[in-house]
Amino acid sequence: MKLIVQIPCYNEEKTLPETVKDIPRNIAGIDLIEILIIDDGSNDRTVDVARELGVDHIVQNTCNKGLATSFMNGLEACLRFDADIIVNTDGDNQYNGADIAKLVQPILNHEADIVIGDRQTDTIAHFSFIKKKLQKLGSRMVRLLSGTQVSDTVSGFRAFSREAAMQINVVSSYSYTVETIIQAGNKKLNITSVPVGTNPKTRESRLVKSIPRFIMQQFSTMIRMYAMFKPFRTFFFIGAFFILSAMIPSFRYLYFFVIGKGGGHIQSLILATILFIVGFQVLIVGLLGDVISFNRKLIEETLLRVRRMELENKKVKKNEEKKDV
């Protein structure tokens, strides 16, 4: 059983040594533990420090492409390096590395496909009252949209089984945390949480530069992901809202028409007609989205099979090379 711990990094030369140092090198049930660094176009000594620390693998983006892209590049690389379990942690040493053993245990016990580290944000001293409340509200919305019970949905400390990692396809360029949970929930992957510890704050978050912007980015990701997996339901409610709204001016016009004053309230009839047309058009968009959603599922299934074949062929070729040697 091989575990690879991936660490997306952007200018983490100061915090990377402690992050790597905290990663356990022996875990019960794991035969081999390796560390993979994804350098997201750093302009400091992050890559040099990683080499000095003796990390096993380094993946470098040609420029700064963002956390979501770095995360996916890391998953792809870990799969190529034959990881059975992949743990993602942050390069700022936010999470307690010793808790990696707790993260991987449900996967080792075949109880979960994905495990999220619950930071128990109420206990984190440097989190403001507003940030704690927003985190709880956001997590509640993600649970509702994904059908999961993840308590800390924006935690980047998480473990993936090999099968789960092959099924994840992040399309956002901002962050992967919320998107992967909504994807996993809709793909019927089993997700669980375990409590984990955090270390003292080492720097300001580069992802949360502005709370309003962070909220808008995460909210748009939630809506986009839910609409991608449940298009008909999403557009049905929107269309139903317009159609039901059209009832109000319709009944208003009908009332005045019955009492003989309909001519003076033609604007109500026009408004109702517009709302009815918009509502039915939205429902049609939902039906088209539903058809597209089925095509997306077929494409993802094809991609998964191709990925499995590529990785299996690579493993066979590697075994053959070992025999030749």
C-alpha atoms as a PDB file:
ATOM      1  CA  MET A   1       0.000   0.000   0.000  1.00  0.00           C
ATOM      2  CA  LYS A   2       1.568   3.258  -1.174  1.00  0.00           C
ATOM      3  CA  LEU A   3       0.680   6.695   0.204  1.00  0.00           C
ATOM      4  CA  ILE A   4       1.741   9.924  -1.486  1.00  0.00           C
ATOM      5  CA  VAL A   5       1.328  13.214   0.364  1.00  0.00           C
ATOM      6  CA  GLN A   6       0.950  16.054  -2.125  1.00  0.00           C
ATOM      7  CA  ILE A   7       1.684  19.661  -1.169  1.00  0.00           C
ATOM      8  CA  PRO A   8       0.633  22.482  -3.532  1.00  0.00           C
ATOM      9  CA  CYS A   9       3.115  25.323  -3.021  1.00  0.00           C
ATOM     10  CA  TYR A  10       3.459  28.925  -4.060  1.00  0.00           C
ATOM     11  CA  ASN A  11       6.386  30.780  -2.464  1.00  0.00           C
ATOM     12  CA  GLU A  12       6.552  28.462   0.554  1.00  0.00           C
ATOM     13  CA  GLU A  13      10.334  28.394   1.101  1.00  0.00           C
ATOM     14  CA  LYS A  14       9.955  29.457   4.751  1.00  0.00           C
ATOM     15  CA  THR A  15       7.139  27.115   5.799  1.00  0.00           C
ATOM     16  CA  LEU A  16       7.857  24.071   3.622  1.00  0.00           C
ATOM     17  CA  PRO A  17      10.589  22.622   5.897  1.00  0.00           C
ATOM     18  CA  GLU A  18       8.214  22.416   8.877  1.00  0.00           C
ATOM     19  CA  THR A  19       5.417  21.038   6.702  1.00  0.00           C
ATOM     20  CA  VAL A  20       7.628  18.241   5.367  1.00  0.00           C
ATOM     21  CA  LYS A  21       9.121  17.578   8.796  1.00  0.00           C
ATOM     22  CA  ASP A  22       5.646  17.000  10.287  1.00  0.00           C
ATOM     23  CA  ILE A  23       4.705  14.321   7.739  1.00  0.00           C
ATOM     24  CA  PRO A  24       5.005  10.855   9.323  1.00  0.00           C
ATOM     25  CA  ARG A  25       7.240   8.361   7.525  1.00  0.00           C
ATOM     26  CA  ASN A  26       5.634   5.294   9.079  1.00  0.00           C
ATOM     27  CA  ILE A  27       1.898   4.562   9.316  1.00  0.00           C
ATOM     28  CA  ALA A  28       0.344   1.210  10.220  1.00  0.00           C
ATOM     29  CA  GLY A  29      -1.099  -0.423   7.093  1.00  0.00           C
ATOM     30  CA  ILE A  30       1.037   1.698   4.737  1.00  0.00           C
ATOM     31  CA  ASP A  31       4.108   0.114   3.139  1.00  0.00           C
ATOM     32  CA  LEU A  32       5.582   3.207   1.494  1.00  0.00           C
ATOM     33  CA  ILE A  33       5.123   6.950   2.081  1.00  0.00           C
ATOM     34  CA  GLU A  34       6.330   9.507  -0.467  1.00  0.00           C
ATOM     35  CA  ILE A  35       6.059  13.294  -0.692  1.00  0.00           C
ATOM     36  CA  LEU A  36       5.157  15.200  -3.849  1.00  0.00           C
ATOM     37  CA  ILE A  37       5.497  18.971  -4.235  1.00  0.00           C
ATOM     38  CA  ILE A  38       3.458  20.894  -6.809  1.00  0.00           C
ATOM     39  CA  ASP A  39       5.235  24.201  -7.396  1.00  0.00           C
ATOM     40  CA  ASP A  40       2.753  26.719  -8.773  1.00  0.00           C
ATOM     41  CA  GLY A  41       5.247  29.040 -10.470  1.00  0.00           C
ATOM     42  CA  SER A  42       6.996  30.169  -7.277  1.00  0.00           C
ATOM     43  CA  ASN A  43       9.505  33.009  -7.598  1.00  0.00           C
ATOM     44  CA  ASP A  44      11.399  32.161  -4.416  1.00  0.00           C
ATOM     45  CA  ARG A  45      13.481  29.097  -3.436  1.00  0.00           C
ATOM     46  CA  THR A  46      10.540  26.729  -2.929  1.00  0.00           C
ATOM     47  CA  VAL A  47      11.810  24.175  -5.468  1.00  0.00           C
ATOM     48  CA  ASP A  48      15.410  24.358  -4.190  1.00  0.00           C
ATOM     49  CA  VAL A  49      14.235  23.905  -0.607  1.00  0.00           C
ATOM     50  CA  ALA A  50      12.106  20.915  -1.675  1.00  0.00           C
ATOM     51  CA  ARG A  51      15.162  19.301  -3.284  1.00  0.00           C
ATOM     52  CA  GLU A  52      17.274  20.022  -0.204  1.00  0.00           C
ATOM     53  CA  LEU A  53      14.612  18.368   1.948  1.00  0.00           C
ATOM     54  CA  GLY A  54      14.802  15.271  -0.241  1.00  0.00           C
ATOM     55  CA  VAL A  55      11.154  15.142  -1.300  1.00  0.00           C
ATOM     56  CA  ASP A  56      10.429  12.228  -3.620  1.00  0.00           C
ATOM     57  CA  HIS A  57       8.689  14.053  -6.484  1.00  0.00           C
ATOM     58  CA  ILE A  58       8.461  17.640  -7.739  1.00  0.00           C
ATOM     59  CA  VAL A  59       5.885  18.816 -10.279  1.00  0.00           C
ATOM     60  CA  GLN A  60       6.339  22.341 -11.608  1.00  0.00           C
ATOM     61  CA  ASN A  61       3.739  24.557 -13.276  1.00  0.00           C
ATOM     62  CA  THR A  62       5.256  26.818 -15.928  1.00  0.00           C
ATOM     63  CA  CYS A  63       3.530  29.801 -14.288  1.00  0.00           C
ATOM     64  CA  ASN A  64       1.147  30.552 -11.439  1.00  0.00           C
ATOM     65  CA  LYS A  65      -2.027  28.681 -12.439  1.00  0.00           C
ATOM     66  CA  GLY A  66      -3.926  28.688  -9.154  1.00  0.00           C
ATOM     67  CA  LEU A  67      -4.679  26.261  -6.381  1.00  0.00           C
ATOM     68  CA  ALA A  68      -7.304  24.218  -8.236  1.00  0.00           C
ATOM     69  CA  THR A  69      -5.013  23.514 -11.206  1.00  0.00           C
ATOM     70  CA  SER A  70      -2.107  22.650  -8.903  1.00  0.00           C
ATOM     71  CA  PHE A  71      -4.336  20.264  -6.959  1.00  0.00           C
ATOM     72  CA  MET A  72      -5.398  18.438 -10.132  1.00  0.00           C
ATOM     73  CA  ASN A  73      -1.835  18.304 -11.457  1.00  0.00           C
ATOM     74  CA  GLY A  74      -0.859  16.753  -8.146  1.00  0.00           C
ATOM     75  CA  LEU A  75      -3.589  14.110  -8.320  1.00  0.00           C
ATOM     76  CA  GLU A  76      -2.581  13.161 -11.868  1.00  0.00           C
ATOM     77  CA  ALA A  77       1.074  12.891 -10.860  1.00  0.00           C
ATOM     78  CA  CYS A  78       0.274  10.803  -7.761  1.00  0.00           C
ATOM     79  CA  LEU A  79      -1.738   8.382  -9.881  1.00  0.00           C
ATOM     80  CA  ARG A  80       1.171   8.102 -12.345  1.00  0.00           C
ATOM     81  CA  PHE A  81       3.464   7.318  -9.426  1.00  0.00           C
ATOM     82  CA  ASP A  82       1.144   4.426  -8.416  1.00  0.00           C
ATOM     83  CA  ALA A  83      -0.335   5.943  -5.254  1.00  0.00           C
ATOM     84  CA  ASP A  84      -3.003   3.812  -3.586  1.00  0.00           C
ATOM     85  CA  ILE A  85      -3.942   6.679  -1.249  1.00  0.00           C
ATOM     86  CA  ILE A  86      -3.349  10.395  -1.823  1.00  0.00           C
ATOM     87  CA  VAL A  87      -3.288  12.952   0.991  1.00  0.00           C
ATOM     88  CA  ASN A  88      -3.474  16.654   0.184  1.00  0.00           C
ATOM     89  CA  THR A  89      -2.113  19.182   2.661  1.00  0.00           C
ATOM     90  CA  ASP A  90      -1.102  22.858   2.529  1.00  0.00           C
ATOM     91  CA  GLY A  91       2.416  24.199   2.210  1.00  0.00           C
ATOM     92  CA  ASP A  92       1.944  26.780   5.001  1.00  0.00           C
ATOM     93  CA  ASN A  93       2.023  24.064   7.697  1.00  0.00           C
ATOM     94  CA  GLN A  94      -1.578  24.845   8.680  1.00  0.00           C
ATOM     95  CA  TYR A  95      -2.438  21.236   9.466  1.00  0.00           C
ATOM     96  CA  ASN A  96      -0.976  18.821  11.991  1.00  0.00           C
ATOM     97  CA  GLY A  97       0.986  16.327   9.867  1.00  0.00           C
ATOM     98  CA  ALA A  98       0.721  13.604  12.505  1.00  0.00           C
ATOM     99  CA  ASP A  99      -3.032  13.462  11.812  1.00  0.00           C
ATOM    100  CA  ILE A 100      -2.366  11.998   8.352  1.00  0.00           C
ATOM    101  CA  ALA A 101      -2.583   8.601  10.053  1.00  0.00           C
ATOM    102  CA  LYS A 102      -6.141   9.457  11.163  1.00  0.00           C
ATOM    103  CA  LEU A 103      -7.056  10.695   7.682  1.00  0.00           C
ATOM    104  CA  VAL A 104      -6.062   7.501   5.874  1.00  0.00           C
ATOM    105  CA  GLN A 105      -7.524   5.051   8.390  1.00  0.00           C
ATOM    106  CA  PRO A 106     -11.131   5.048   7.060  1.00  0.00           C
ATOM    107  CA  ILE A 107      -9.763   4.371   3.561  1.00  0.00           C
ATOM    108  CA  LEU A 108      -7.540   1.565   4.843  1.00  0.00           C
ATOM    109  CA  ASN A 109     -10.593   0.097   6.591  1.00  0.00           C
ATOM    110  CA  HIS A 110     -12.624   0.364   3.332  1.00  0.00           C
ATOM    111  CA  GLU A 111     -15.091   2.648   5.113  1.00  0.00           C
ATOM    112  CA  ALA A 112     -14.667   5.734   2.909  1.00  0.00           C
ATOM    113  CA  ASP A 113     -13.464   6.900  -0.496  1.00  0.00           C
ATOM    114  CA  ILE A 114     -12.636  10.444   0.623  1.00  0.00           C
ATOM    115  CA  VAL A 115     -11.793  11.678   4.119  1.00  0.00           C
ATOM    116  CA  ILE A 116     -11.896  15.382   5.041  1.00  0.00           C
ATOM    117  CA  GLY A 117      -9.951  16.732   7.997  1.00  0.00           C
ATOM    118  CA  ASP A 118     -12.310  18.645  10.292  1.00  0.00           C
ATOM    119  CA  ARG A 119     -10.370  21.576  11.762  1.00  0.00           C
ATOM    120  CA  GLN A 120     -13.127  22.189  14.353  1.00  0.00           C
ATOM    121  CA  THR A 121     -13.047  25.874  13.440  1.00  0.00           C
ATOM    122  CA  ASP A 122     -14.754  26.963  16.672  1.00  0.00           C
ATOM    123  CA  THR A 123     -11.524  26.113  18.491  1.00  0.00           C
ATOM    124  CA  ILE A 124      -9.168  28.028  16.150  1.00  0.00           C
ATOM    125  CA  ALA A 125      -8.112  31.204  17.966  1.00  0.00           C
ATOM    126  CA  HIS A 126      -7.062  33.283  14.942  1.00  0.00           C
ATOM    127  CA  PHE A 127     -10.406  32.721  13.165  1.00  0.00           C
ATOM    128  CA  SER A 128     -12.678  35.721  13.692  1.00  0.00           C
ATOM    129  CA  PHE A 129     -16.286  35.357  14.855  1.00  0.00           C
ATOM    130  CA  ILE A 130     -17.560  36.316  11.384  1.00  0.00           C
ATOM    131  CA  LYS A 131     -15.240  33.861   9.662  1.00  0.00           C
ATOM    132  CA  LYS A 132     -16.409  31.021  11.917  1.00  0.00           C
ATOM    133  CA  LYS A 133     -20.077  31.813  11.237  1.00  0.00           C
ATOM    134  CA  LEU A 134     -19.526  32.103   7.486  1.00  0.00           C
ATOM    135  CA  GLN A 135     -17.638  28.814   7.461  1.00  0.00           C
ATOM    136  CA  LYS A 136     -20.528  27.075   9.222  1.00  0.00           C
ATOM    137  CA  LEU A 137     -23.101  28.594   6.867  1.00  0.00           C
ATOM    138  CA  GLY A 138     -21.060  27.677   3.791  1.00  0.00           C
ATOM    139  CA  SER A 139     -20.524  24.128   5.003  1.00  0.00           C
ATOM    140  CA  ARG A 140     -24.260  23.756   5.633  1.00  0.00           C
ATOM    141  CA  MET A 141     -24.996  24.838   2.049  1.00  0.00           C
ATOM    142  CA  VAL A 142     -22.419  22.414   0.626  1.00  0.00           C
ATOM    143  CA  ARG A 143     -23.884  19.568   2.674  1.00  0.00           C
ATOM    144  CA  LEU A 144     -27.325  20.394   1.299  1.00  0.00           C
ATOM    145  CA  LEU A 145     -26.124  20.539  -2.326  1.00  0.00           C
ATOM    146  CA  SER A 146     -23.891  17.457  -2.127  1.00  0.00           C
ATOM    147  CA  GLY A 147     -25.983  15.203   0.090  1.00  0.00           C
ATOM    148  CA  THR A 148     -22.986  14.625   2.369  1.00  0.00           C
ATOM    149  CA  GLN A 149     -22.301  15.221   6.058  1.00  0.00           C
ATOM    150  CA  VAL A 150     -18.930  16.977   5.798  1.00  0.00           C
ATOM    151  CA  SER A 151     -18.553  19.426   8.676  1.00  0.00           C
ATOM    152  CA  ASP A 152     -15.588  21.465   7.390  1.00  0.00           C
ATOM    153  CA  THR A 153     -16.070  21.700   3.635  1.00  0.00           C
ATOM    154  CA  VAL A 154     -13.232  24.149   2.869  1.00  0.00           C
ATOM    155  CA  SER A 155     -10.570  22.156   4.678  1.00  0.00           C
ATOM    156  CA  GLY A 156      -7.713  21.322   2.296  1.00  0.00           C
ATOM    157  CA  PHE A 157      -6.485  18.492   4.521  1.00  0.00           C
ATOM    158  CA  ARG A 158      -8.034  15.442   2.885  1.00  0.00           C
ATOM    159  CA  ALA A 159      -7.321  11.902   1.733  1.00  0.00           C
ATOM    160  CA  PHE A 160      -8.456  10.174  -1.462  1.00  0.00           C
ATOM    161  CA  SER A 161      -8.492   6.515  -2.404  1.00  0.00           C
ATOM    162  CA  ARG A 162      -6.987   5.753  -5.803  1.00  0.00           C
ATOM    163  CA  GLU A 163     -10.439   5.063  -7.257  1.00  0.00           C
ATOM    164  CA  ALA A 164     -11.857   8.333  -5.914  1.00  0.00           C
ATOM    165  CA  ALA A 165      -8.896  10.336  -7.246  1.00  0.00           C
ATOM    166  CA  MET A 166      -9.470   8.912 -10.724  1.00  0.00           C
ATOM    167  CA  GLN A 167     -13.083  10.111 -10.675  1.00  0.00           C
ATOM    168  CA  ILE A 168     -12.372  13.703  -9.621  1.00  0.00           C
ATOM    169  CA  ASN A 169     -12.323  16.322 -12.407  1.00  0.00           C
ATOM    170  CA  VAL A 170     -11.954  19.871 -11.096  1.00  0.00           C
ATOM    171  CA  VAL A 171     -13.109  22.514 -13.583  1.00  0.00           C
ATOM    172  CA  SER A 172     -12.804  25.575 -11.343  1.00  0.00           C
ATOM    173  CA  SER A 173      -9.647  27.694 -11.526  1.00  0.00           C
ATOM    174  CA  TYR A 174     -10.110  29.125  -8.017  1.00  0.00           C
ATOM    175  CA  SER A 175     -10.310  26.324  -5.461  1.00  0.00           C
ATOM    176  CA  TYR A 176     -11.013  22.608  -5.385  1.00  0.00           C
ATOM    177  CA  THR A 177     -12.421  22.194  -1.863  1.00  0.00           C
ATOM    178  CA  VAL A 178     -16.138  22.794  -2.390  1.00  0.00           C
ATOM    179  CA  GLU A 179     -16.218  21.467  -5.952  1.00  0.00           C
ATOM    180  CA  THR A 180     -14.698  18.087  -5.098  1.00  0.00           C
ATOM    181  CA  ILE A 181     -17.230  17.507  -2.316  1.00  0.00           C
ATOM    182  CA  ILE A 182     -20.231  18.334  -4.521  1.00  0.00           C
ATOM    183  CA  GLN A 183     -18.782  16.143  -7.283  1.00  0.00           C
ATOM    184  CA  ALA A 184     -18.081  13.267  -4.932  1.00  0.00           C
ATOM    185  CA  GLY A 185     -21.535  13.458  -3.356  1.00  0.00           C
ATOM    186  CA  ASN A 186     -23.254  13.345  -6.745  1.00  0.00           C
ATOM    187  CA  LYS A 187     -20.979  10.522  -7.918  1.00  0.00           C
ATOM    188  CA  LYS A 188     -21.987   8.491  -4.841  1.00  0.00           C
ATOM    189  CA  LEU A 189     -18.487   8.367  -3.403  1.00  0.00           C
ATOM    190  CA  ASN A 190     -18.489   7.777   0.339  1.00  0.00           C
ATOM    191  CA  ILE A 191     -17.157  10.836   2.206  1.00  0.00           C
ATOM    192  CA  THR A 192     -16.456  11.073   5.914  1.00  0.00           C
ATOM    193  CA  SER A 193     -14.711  13.486   8.275  1.00  0.00           C
ATOM    194  CA  VAL A 194     -12.216  13.038  11.085  1.00  0.00           C
ATOM    195  CA  PRO A 195     -11.141  15.706  13.609  1.00  0.00           C
ATOM    196  CA  VAL A 196      -7.636  17.053  12.986  1.00  0.00           C
ATOM    197  CA  GLY A 197      -5.380  19.542  14.701  1.00  0.00           C
ATOM    198  CA  THR A 198      -4.024  22.793  13.302  1.00  0.00           C
ATOM    199  CA  ASN A 199      -0.767  24.638  13.860  1.00  0.00           C
ATOM    200  CA  PRO A 200      -0.311  28.333  14.709  1.00  0.00           C
ATOM    201  CA  LYS A 201      -0.855  30.728  11.825  1.00  0.00           C
ATOM    202  CA  THR A 202       2.306  31.297   9.749  1.00  0.00           C
ATOM    203  CA  ARG A 203       1.008  33.804   7.171  1.00  0.00           C
ATOM    204  CA  GLU A 204      -2.149  35.374   5.784  1.00  0.00           C
ATOM    205  CA  SER A 205      -4.282  33.210   3.506  1.00  0.00           C
ATOM    206  CA  ARG A 206      -3.545  33.745  -0.164  1.00  0.00           C
ATOM    207  CA  LEU A 207      -6.915  32.266  -1.134  1.00  0.00           C
ATOM    208  CA  VAL A 208      -9.039  34.489   1.141  1.00  0.00           C
ATOM    209  CA  LYS A 209      -7.712  37.918   0.186  1.00  0.00           C
ATOM    210  CA  SER A 210     -11.173  39.424   0.590  1.00  0.00           C
ATOM    211  CA  ILE A 211     -14.058  37.780   2.448  1.00  0.00           C
ATOM    212  CA  PRO A 212     -16.760  39.152   0.066  1.00  0.00           C
ATOM    213  CA  ARG A 213     -14.765  37.934  -2.958  1.00  0.00           C
ATOM    214  CA  PHE A 214     -14.183  34.544  -1.330  1.00  0.00           C
ATOM    215  CA  ILE A 215     -17.907  34.205  -0.603  1.00  0.00           C
ATOM    216  CA  MET A 216     -18.839  35.096  -4.191  1.00  0.00           C
ATOM    217  CA  GLN A 217     -16.270  32.649  -5.625  1.00  0.00           C
ATOM    218  CA  GLN A 218     -17.423  29.788  -3.433  1.00  0.00           C
ATOM    219  CA  PHE A 219     -21.116  30.566  -3.927  1.00  0.00           C
ATOM    220  CA  SER A 220     -20.731  30.642  -7.708  1.00  0.00           C
ATOM    221  CA  THR A 221     -18.858  27.328  -7.536  1.00  0.00           C
ATOM    222  CA  MET A 222     -21.678  25.771  -5.498  1.00  0.00           C
ATOM    223  CA  ILE A 223     -24.365  26.922  -7.930  1.00  0.00           C
ATOM    224  CA  ARG A 224     -22.358  25.957 -11.007  1.00  0.00           C
ATOM    225  CA  MET A 225     -21.553  22.474  -9.694  1.00  0.00           C
ATOM    226  CA  TYR A 226     -25.119  21.810  -8.548  1.00  0.00           C
ATOM    227  CA  ALA A 227     -26.505  22.997 -11.893  1.00  0.00           C
ATOM    228  CA  MET A 228     -24.005  20.767 -13.700  1.00  0.00           C
ATOM    229  CA  PHE A 229     -25.170  17.661 -11.871  1.00  0.00           C
ATOM    230  CA  LYS A 230     -28.848  18.597 -11.365  1.00  0.00           C
ATOM    231  CA  PRO A 231     -29.698  20.873 -14.318  1.00  0.00           C
ATOM    232  CA  PHE A 232     -33.396  20.025 -14.635  1.00  0.00           C
ATOM    233  CA  ARG A 233     -34.068  20.465 -10.936  1.00  0.00           C
ATOM    234  CA  THR A 234     -32.159  23.775 -10.905  1.00  0.00           C
ATOM    235  CA  PHE A 235     -33.953  25.264 -13.915  1.00  0.00           C
ATOM    236  CA  PHE A 236     -37.312  23.756 -12.884  1.00  0.00           C
ATOM    237  CA  PHE A 237     -37.351  25.841  -9.713  1.00  0.00           C
ATOM    238  CA  ILE A 238     -36.294  28.970 -11.597  1.00  0.00           C
ATOM    239  CA  GLY A 239     -38.894  28.380 -14.312  1.00  0.00           C
ATOM    240  CA  ALA A 240     -41.565  27.587 -11.730  1.00  0.00           C
ATOM    241  CA  PHE A 241     -40.788  30.881  -9.985  1.00  0.00           C
ATOM    242  CA  PHE A 242     -41.463  32.869 -13.185  1.00  0.00           C
ATOM    243  CA  ILE A 243     -44.608  30.876 -14.008  1.00  0.00           C
ATOM    244  CA  LEU A 244     -46.023  31.281 -10.501  1.00  0.00           C
ATOM    245  CA  SER A 245     -45.141  34.986 -10.604  1.00  0.00           C
ATOM    246  CA  ALA A 246     -47.107  35.254 -13.845  1.00  0.00           C
ATOM    247  CA  MET A 247     -50.208  34.041 -12.013  1.00  0.00           C
ATOM    248  CA  ILE A 248     -50.420  37.248  -9.977  1.00  0.00           C
ATOM    249  CA  PRO A 249     -50.902  39.720 -12.865  1.00  0.00           C
ATOM    250  CA  SER A 250     -53.005  37.085 -14.677  1.00  0.00           C
ATOM    251  CA  PHE A 251     -55.531  36.871 -11.856  1.00  0.00           C
ATOM    252  CA  ARG A 252     -55.390  40.649 -11.461  1.00  0.00           C
ATOM    253  CA  TYR A 253     -56.292  41.160 -15.122  1.00  0.00           C
ATOM    254  CA  LEU A 254     -58.942  38.419 -14.977  1.00  0.00           C
ATOM    255  CA  TYR A 255     -60.564  40.089 -11.978  1.00  0.00           C
ATOM    256  CA  PHE A 256     -60.829  43.460 -13.694  1.00  0.00           C
ATOM    257  CA  PHE A 257     -61.929  41.781 -16.942  1.00  0.00           C
ATOM    258  CA  VAL A 258     -64.816  40.058 -15.153  1.00  0.00           C
ATOM    259  CA  ILE A 259     -66.021  43.320 -13.614  1.00  0.00           C
ATOM    260  CA  GLY A 260     -65.794  45.016 -17.013  1.00  0.00           C
ATOM    261  CA  LYS A 261     -62.635  47.074 -16.472  1.00  0.00           C
ATOM    262  CA  GLY A 262     -60.131  44.846 -18.292  1.00  0.00           C
ATOM    263  CA  GLY A 263     -59.280  47.439 -20.924  1.00  0.00           C
ATOM    264  CA  GLY A 264     -57.536  49.669 -18.419  1.00  0.00           C
ATOM    265  CA  HIS A 265     -55.303  46.898 -17.084  1.00  0.00           C
ATOM    266  CA  ILE A 266     -53.818  45.451 -20.242  1.00  0.00           C
ATOM    267  CA  GLN A 267     -50.330  45.990 -18.761  1.00  0.00           C
ATOM    268  CA  SER A 268     -51.041  43.146 -16.306  1.00  0.00           C
ATOM    269  CA  LEU A 269     -51.807  40.824 -19.210  1.00  0.00           C
ATOM    270  CA  ILE A 270     -48.585  41.859 -20.988  1.00  0.00           C
ATOM    271  CA  LEU A 271     -46.489  41.283 -17.844  1.00  0.00           C
ATOM    272  CA  ALA A 272     -48.094  37.882 -17.262  1.00  0.00           C
ATOM    273  CA  THR A 273     -47.416  36.856 -20.868  1.00  0.00           C
ATOM    274  CA  ILE A 274     -43.747  37.859 -20.572  1.00  0.00           C
ATOM    275  CA  LEU A 275     -43.323  35.949 -17.292  1.00  0.00           C
ATOM    276  CA  PHE A 276     -45.035  32.845 -18.729  1.00  0.00           C
ATOM    277  CA  ILE A 277     -42.779  32.906 -21.808  1.00  0.00           C
ATOM    278  CA  VAL A 278     -39.623  33.336 -19.706  1.00  0.00           C
ATOM    279  CA  GLY A 279     -40.709  30.544 -17.346  1.00  0.00           C
ATOM    280  CA  PHE A 280     -41.342  28.045 -20.138  1.00  0.00           C
ATOM    281  CA  GLN A 281     -38.073  28.984 -21.845  1.00  0.00           C
ATOM    282  CA  VAL A 282     -36.199  28.319 -18.602  1.00  0.00           C
ATOM    283  CA  LEU A 283     -37.910  24.908 -18.325  1.00  0.00           C
ATOM    284  CA  ILE A 284     -36.792  24.093 -21.882  1.00  0.00           C
ATOM    285  CA  VAL A 285     -33.234  25.086 -20.953  1.00  0.00           C
ATOM    286  CA  GLY A 286     -33.503  22.698 -17.997  1.00  0.00           C
ATOM    287  CA  LEU A 287     -34.563  19.841 -20.298  1.00  0.00           C
ATOM    288  CA  LEU A 288     -31.661  20.570 -22.640  1.00  0.00           C
ATOM    289  CA  GLY A 289     -29.307  20.777 -19.663  1.00  0.00           C
ATOM    290  CA  ASP A 290     -30.549  17.382 -18.493  1.00  0.00           C
ATOM    291  CA  VAL A 291     -29.690  15.843 -21.875  1.00  0.00           C
ATOM    292  CA  ILE A 292     -26.254  17.498 -21.774  1.00  0.00           C
ATOM    293  CA  SER A 293     -25.783  16.159 -18.246  1.00  0.00           C
ATOM    294  CA  PHE A 294     -26.296  12.601 -19.476  1.00  0.00           C
ATOM    295  CA  ASN A 295     -23.706  13.205 -22.196  1.00  0.00           C
ATOM    296  CA  ARG A 296     -21.307  14.562 -19.576  1.00  0.00           C
ATOM    297  CA  LYS A 297     -21.728  11.398 -17.519  1.00  0.00           C
ATOM    298  CA  LEU A 298     -20.904   9.279 -20.567  1.00  0.00           C
ATOM    299  CA  ILE A 299     -17.834  11.414 -21.284  1.00  0.00           C
ATOM    300  CA  GLU A 300     -16.670  11.146 -17.665  1.00  0.00           C
ATOM    301  CA  GLU A 301     -17.173   7.374 -17.724  1.00  0.00           C
ATOM    302  CA  THR A 302     -15.128   7.172 -20.924  1.00  0.00           C
ATOM    303  CA  LEU A 303     -12.420   9.362 -19.399  1.00  0.00           C
ATOM    304  CA  LEU A 304     -12.317   7.164 -16.300  1.00  0.00           C
ATOM    305  CA  ARG A 305     -11.911   4.010 -18.384  1.00  0.00           C
ATOM    306  CA  VAL A 306      -9.175   5.597 -20.502  1.00  0.00           C
ATOM    307  CA  ARG A 307      -7.390   6.764 -17.346  1.00  0.00           C
ATOM    308  CA  ARG A 308      -7.568   3.268 -15.866  1.00  0.00           C
ATOM    309  CA  MET A 309      -6.214   1.738 -19.063  1.00  0.00           C
ATOM    310  CA  GLU A 310      -3.343   4.236 -19.264  1.00  0.00           C
ATOM    311  CA  LEU A 311      -2.331   3.688 -15.659  1.00  0.00           C
ATOM    312  CA  GLU A 312      -2.617  -0.103 -15.980  1.00  0.00           C
ATOM    313  CA  ASN A 313      -0.523  -0.127 -19.170  1.00  0.00           C
ATOM    314  CA  LYS A 314       2.077   2.042 -17.463  1.00  0.00           C
ATOM    315  CA  LYS A 315       2.230  -0.372 -14.527  1.00  0.00           C
ATOM    316  CA  VAL A 316       2.578  -3.383 -16.841  1.00  0.00           C
ATOM    317  CA  LYS A 317       5.362  -1.672 -18.787  1.00  0.00           C
ATOM    318  CA  LYS A 318       7.175  -0.793 -15.571  1.00  0.00           C
ATOM    319  CA  ASN A 319       6.964  -4.415 -14.347  1.00  0.00           C
ATOM    320  CA  GLU A 320       8.300  -5.653 -17.674  1.00  0.00           C
ATOM    321  CA  GLU A 321      11.238  -3.248 -17.459  1.00  0.00           C
ATOM    322  CA  LYS A 322      12.026  -4.522 -13.971  1.00  0.00           C
ATOM    323  CA  LYS A 323      12.023  -8.125 -15.231  1.00  0.00           C
ATOM    324  CA  ASP A 324      14.396  -7.200 -18.079  1.00  0.00           C
ATOM    325  CA  VAL A 325      16.806  -5.643 -15.619  1.00  0.00           C
END
